[in-house]
Amino acid sequence: MFLGQYRHSIDDKGRLTVPARYRELLDAGAIVTQGFERNLMVLTEAGFAAMTAQVTRKSVTDPTARDLRRLLFASADRVAPDTNGRILIPAFLRQQNGLEGEAVLVGVGDFFEIWTPEAWDQRFTILQDTEANEQRFIGLDLSTSQE
């Protein structure tokens, strides 16, 4: 499971160091694609396959479903950690998301996200608003019970 937040630099070639805790989950390879905010999502091959199965079940006659396919698949690329634990973020994804110099890797369970420090700081500030969170998450069942 991808947990926590890490700040790492992106080198001039577009390589980003992946935390050791994340690397071991990427042994079978990974897919990087555009996220739903101005960020990237990095999913394991199995995670991306599961998402692909759901997306491709949607009708191609539905314009929203077609846009979702375009967002996820046109921006997707395979990545794998090199011997130094870095992944190469494709130039077009770095440019689209303003990623240069430093990035924040954010674990969100079965995948992780890559943000610019500024965008993540803004998003994290929003997430710290406990009153707004109470209203925002009220409809979600977040029971910790195993039943």
C-alpha atoms as a PDB file:
ATOM      1  CA  MET A   1       0.000   0.000   0.000  1.00  0.00           C
ATOM      2  CA  PHE A   2       1.280   3.470  -0.901  1.00  0.00           C
ATOM      3  CA  LEU A   3       1.290   5.670   2.218  1.00  0.00           C
ATOM      4  CA  GLY A   4       2.819   8.975   3.283  1.00  0.00           C
ATOM      5  CA  GLN A   5       4.294  12.026   1.585  1.00  0.00           C
ATOM      6  CA  TYR A   6       7.807  12.426   0.226  1.00  0.00           C
ATOM      7  CA  ARG A   7       9.589  15.349  -1.410  1.00  0.00           C
ATOM      8  CA  HIS A   8      12.196  14.483  -4.014  1.00  0.00           C
ATOM      9  CA  SER A   9      13.972  16.341  -6.770  1.00  0.00           C
ATOM     10  CA  ILE A  10      13.439  15.749 -10.466  1.00  0.00           C
ATOM     11  CA  ASP A  11      16.764  15.815 -12.290  1.00  0.00           C
ATOM     12  CA  ASP A  12      17.457  17.522 -15.628  1.00  0.00           C
ATOM     13  CA  LYS A  13      16.603  14.311 -17.502  1.00  0.00           C
ATOM     14  CA  GLY A  14      13.179  14.060 -15.846  1.00  0.00           C
ATOM     15  CA  ARG A  15      14.048  11.259 -13.422  1.00  0.00           C
ATOM     16  CA  LEU A  16      12.340  11.198 -10.047  1.00  0.00           C
ATOM     17  CA  THR A  17      13.561   9.141  -7.100  1.00  0.00           C
ATOM     18  CA  VAL A  18      10.874   6.829  -5.793  1.00  0.00           C
ATOM     19  CA  PRO A  19      10.917   6.101  -2.044  1.00  0.00           C
ATOM     20  CA  ALA A  20      12.159   2.591  -1.222  1.00  0.00           C
ATOM     21  CA  ARG A  21       8.771   1.758   0.312  1.00  0.00           C
ATOM     22  CA  TYR A  22       7.099   2.491  -3.013  1.00  0.00           C
ATOM     23  CA  ARG A  23       9.765   0.852  -5.164  1.00  0.00           C
ATOM     24  CA  GLU A  24       9.133  -2.620  -3.817  1.00  0.00           C
ATOM     25  CA  LEU A  25       5.500  -2.301  -4.954  1.00  0.00           C
ATOM     26  CA  LEU A  26       6.616  -1.375  -8.479  1.00  0.00           C
ATOM     27  CA  ASP A  27       8.732  -4.486  -9.124  1.00  0.00           C
ATOM     28  CA  ALA A  28       6.274  -5.712 -11.772  1.00  0.00           C
ATOM     29  CA  GLY A  29       6.282  -2.308 -13.473  1.00  0.00           C
ATOM     30  CA  ALA A  30       3.988   0.678 -13.291  1.00  0.00           C
ATOM     31  CA  ILE A  31       1.962   3.102 -15.347  1.00  0.00           C
ATOM     32  CA  VAL A  32       2.128   6.873 -14.961  1.00  0.00           C
ATOM     33  CA  THR A  33      -0.821   8.885 -16.255  1.00  0.00           C
ATOM     34  CA  GLN A  34      -2.557  12.209 -15.847  1.00  0.00           C
ATOM     35  CA  GLY A  35      -4.392  12.603 -12.549  1.00  0.00           C
ATOM     36  CA  PHE A  36      -7.731  14.289 -12.006  1.00  0.00           C
ATOM     37  CA  GLU A  37      -6.255  17.428 -10.507  1.00  0.00           C
ATOM     38  CA  ARG A  38      -3.097  18.996 -11.848  1.00  0.00           C
ATOM     39  CA  ASN A  39      -1.055  15.974 -10.830  1.00  0.00           C
ATOM     40  CA  LEU A  40       0.056  12.541 -12.015  1.00  0.00           C
ATOM     41  CA  MET A  41      -1.054   9.103 -10.863  1.00  0.00           C
ATOM     42  CA  VAL A  42       1.361   6.157 -10.721  1.00  0.00           C
ATOM     43  CA  LEU A  43      -0.372   2.790 -10.613  1.00  0.00           C
ATOM     44  CA  THR A  44       0.963  -0.730 -10.509  1.00  0.00           C
ATOM     45  CA  GLU A  45       0.386  -2.740 -13.680  1.00  0.00           C
ATOM     46  CA  ALA A  46      -2.352  -4.690 -11.856  1.00  0.00           C
ATOM     47  CA  GLY A  47      -3.978  -1.500 -10.590  1.00  0.00           C
ATOM     48  CA  PHE A  48      -3.950   0.061 -14.038  1.00  0.00           C
ATOM     49  CA  ALA A  49      -5.395  -3.146 -15.532  1.00  0.00           C
ATOM     50  CA  ALA A  50      -8.237  -3.080 -12.995  1.00  0.00           C
ATOM     51  CA  MET A  51      -8.988   0.555 -13.783  1.00  0.00           C
ATOM     52  CA  THR A  52      -8.753  -0.175 -17.506  1.00  0.00           C
ATOM     53  CA  ALA A  53     -11.324  -2.949 -17.153  1.00  0.00           C
ATOM     54  CA  GLN A  54     -13.769  -0.553 -15.504  1.00  0.00           C
ATOM     55  CA  VAL A  55     -13.190   2.247 -18.004  1.00  0.00           C
ATOM     56  CA  THR A  56     -13.488   0.020 -21.062  1.00  0.00           C
ATOM     57  CA  ARG A  57     -16.848  -1.321 -19.844  1.00  0.00           C
ATOM     58  CA  LYS A  58     -18.265   2.168 -20.361  1.00  0.00           C
ATOM     59  CA  SER A  59     -20.026   2.783 -23.647  1.00  0.00           C
ATOM     60  CA  VAL A  60     -17.976   4.498 -26.351  1.00  0.00           C
ATOM     61  CA  THR A  61     -21.162   6.334 -27.304  1.00  0.00           C
ATOM     62  CA  ASP A  62     -20.996   8.223 -23.991  1.00  0.00           C
ATOM     63  CA  PRO A  63     -18.951  11.417 -24.509  1.00  0.00           C
ATOM     64  CA  THR A  64     -17.907  11.531 -20.838  1.00  0.00           C
ATOM     65  CA  ALA A  65     -16.612   7.962 -21.042  1.00  0.00           C
ATOM     66  CA  ARG A  66     -14.657   8.824 -24.193  1.00  0.00           C
ATOM     67  CA  ASP A  67     -13.082  11.817 -22.462  1.00  0.00           C
ATOM     68  CA  LEU A  68     -12.103   9.639 -19.504  1.00  0.00           C
ATOM     69  CA  ARG A  69     -10.431   7.184 -21.886  1.00  0.00           C
ATOM     70  CA  ARG A  70      -8.569  10.047 -23.547  1.00  0.00           C
ATOM     71  CA  LEU A  71      -7.438  11.487 -20.224  1.00  0.00           C
ATOM     72  CA  LEU A  72      -6.161   8.187 -18.857  1.00  0.00           C
ATOM     73  CA  PHE A  73      -4.810   6.396 -21.922  1.00  0.00           C
ATOM     74  CA  ALA A  74      -3.423   9.234 -24.063  1.00  0.00           C
ATOM     75  CA  SER A  75      -1.358  10.400 -21.101  1.00  0.00           C
ATOM     76  CA  ALA A  76      -0.247   6.950 -19.950  1.00  0.00           C
ATOM     77  CA  ASP A  77       3.264   5.551 -20.173  1.00  0.00           C
ATOM     78  CA  ARG A  78       5.036   2.567 -18.631  1.00  0.00           C
ATOM     79  CA  VAL A  79       7.718   3.323 -16.052  1.00  0.00           C
ATOM     80  CA  ALA A  80      10.051   1.167 -13.996  1.00  0.00           C
ATOM     81  CA  PRO A  81      12.577   2.151 -11.342  1.00  0.00           C
ATOM     82  CA  ASP A  82      16.170   2.115 -12.577  1.00  0.00           C
ATOM     83  CA  THR A  83      19.043   0.728 -10.508  1.00  0.00           C
ATOM     84  CA  ASN A  84      19.094   3.984  -8.506  1.00  0.00           C
ATOM     85  CA  GLY A  85      15.362   3.820  -7.761  1.00  0.00           C
ATOM     86  CA  ARG A  86      14.327   6.568 -10.168  1.00  0.00           C
ATOM     87  CA  ILE A  87      11.498   6.612 -12.684  1.00  0.00           C
ATOM     88  CA  LEU A  88      11.571   8.694 -15.842  1.00  0.00           C
ATOM     89  CA  ILE A  89       8.583  11.007 -16.045  1.00  0.00           C
ATOM     90  CA  PRO A  90       7.806  11.654 -19.737  1.00  0.00           C
ATOM     91  CA  ALA A  91       8.546  15.225 -20.821  1.00  0.00           C
ATOM     92  CA  PHE A  92       4.993  15.939 -21.960  1.00  0.00           C
ATOM     93  CA  LEU A  93       3.616  14.956 -18.533  1.00  0.00           C
ATOM     94  CA  ARG A  94       6.201  17.079 -16.735  1.00  0.00           C
ATOM     95  CA  GLN A  95       5.348  20.048 -18.941  1.00  0.00           C
ATOM     96  CA  GLN A  96       1.556  19.611 -18.649  1.00  0.00           C
ATOM     97  CA  ASN A  97       1.791  19.579 -14.866  1.00  0.00           C
ATOM     98  CA  GLY A  98       4.589  22.079 -14.259  1.00  0.00           C
ATOM     99  CA  LEU A  99       6.867  19.454 -12.722  1.00  0.00           C
ATOM    100  CA  GLU A 100      10.461  20.588 -12.538  1.00  0.00           C
ATOM    101  CA  GLY A 101      13.010  20.766  -9.785  1.00  0.00           C
ATOM    102  CA  GLU A 102      11.049  19.222  -6.937  1.00  0.00           C
ATOM    103  CA  ALA A 103       7.981  17.004  -6.659  1.00  0.00           C
ATOM    104  CA  VAL A 104       5.839  15.642  -3.856  1.00  0.00           C
ATOM    105  CA  LEU A 105       4.918  11.958  -3.977  1.00  0.00           C
ATOM    106  CA  VAL A 106       1.687  11.296  -2.114  1.00  0.00           C
ATOM    107  CA  GLY A 107       0.531   7.809  -1.222  1.00  0.00           C
ATOM    108  CA  VAL A 108      -3.199   7.284  -1.716  1.00  0.00           C
ATOM    109  CA  GLY A 109      -3.540   3.567  -1.040  1.00  0.00           C
ATOM    110  CA  ASP A 110      -3.317   1.475  -4.178  1.00  0.00           C
ATOM    111  CA  PHE A 111      -1.481   4.154  -6.178  1.00  0.00           C
ATOM    112  CA  PHE A 112       0.535   7.296  -5.568  1.00  0.00           C
ATOM    113  CA  GLU A 113       0.328  10.790  -6.965  1.00  0.00           C
ATOM    114  CA  ILE A 114       3.019  13.226  -8.073  1.00  0.00           C
ATOM    115  CA  TRP A 115       2.393  16.912  -7.431  1.00  0.00           C
ATOM    116  CA  THR A 116       4.319  20.154  -7.662  1.00  0.00           C
ATOM    117  CA  PRO A 117       5.081  21.327  -4.116  1.00  0.00           C
ATOM    118  CA  GLU A 118       2.871  24.395  -4.611  1.00  0.00           C
ATOM    119  CA  ALA A 119      -0.139  22.440  -5.888  1.00  0.00           C
ATOM    120  CA  TRP A 120       0.192  19.847  -3.125  1.00  0.00           C
ATOM    121  CA  ASP A 121       0.511  22.515  -0.420  1.00  0.00           C
ATOM    122  CA  GLN A 122      -2.722  24.119  -1.710  1.00  0.00           C
ATOM    123  CA  ARG A 123      -4.549  20.774  -1.822  1.00  0.00           C
ATOM    124  CA  PHE A 124      -3.255  19.758   1.610  1.00  0.00           C
ATOM    125  CA  THR A 125      -4.428  23.075   3.081  1.00  0.00           C
ATOM    126  CA  ILE A 126      -7.925  22.321   1.763  1.00  0.00           C
ATOM    127  CA  LEU A 127      -7.754  18.870   3.338  1.00  0.00           C
ATOM    128  CA  GLN A 128      -6.919  20.410   6.725  1.00  0.00           C
ATOM    129  CA  ASP A 129     -10.308  22.218   6.895  1.00  0.00           C
ATOM    130  CA  THR A 130     -12.069  19.957   9.394  1.00  0.00           C
ATOM    131  CA  GLU A 131     -15.459  21.680   9.084  1.00  0.00           C
ATOM    132  CA  ALA A 132     -15.443  21.380   5.302  1.00  0.00           C
ATOM    133  CA  ASN A 133     -14.273  17.759   5.565  1.00  0.00           C
ATOM    134  CA  GLU A 134     -17.204  16.928   7.812  1.00  0.00           C
ATOM    135  CA  GLN A 135     -19.600  18.047   5.076  1.00  0.00           C
ATOM    136  CA  ARG A 136     -17.520  16.798   2.152  1.00  0.00           C
ATOM    137  CA  PHE A 137     -17.147  13.251   3.482  1.00  0.00           C
ATOM    138  CA  ILE A 138     -20.460  12.835   5.292  1.00  0.00           C
ATOM    139  CA  GLY A 139     -21.927  10.569   2.604  1.00  0.00           C
ATOM    140  CA  LEU A 140     -18.978   8.187   2.513  1.00  0.00           C
ATOM    141  CA  ASP A 141     -19.007   4.999   4.556  1.00  0.00           C
ATOM    142  CA  LEU A 142     -15.616   5.008   6.249  1.00  0.00           C
ATOM    143  CA  SER A 143     -16.287   2.297   8.776  1.00  0.00           C
ATOM    144  CA  THR A 144     -13.178   0.582  10.133  1.00  0.00           C
ATOM    145  CA  SER A 145     -15.174  -2.519  10.977  1.00  0.00           C
ATOM    146  CA  GLN A 146     -14.148  -5.703   9.183  1.00  0.00           C
ATOM    147  CA  GLU A 147     -17.746  -6.937   9.073  1.00  0.00           C
END
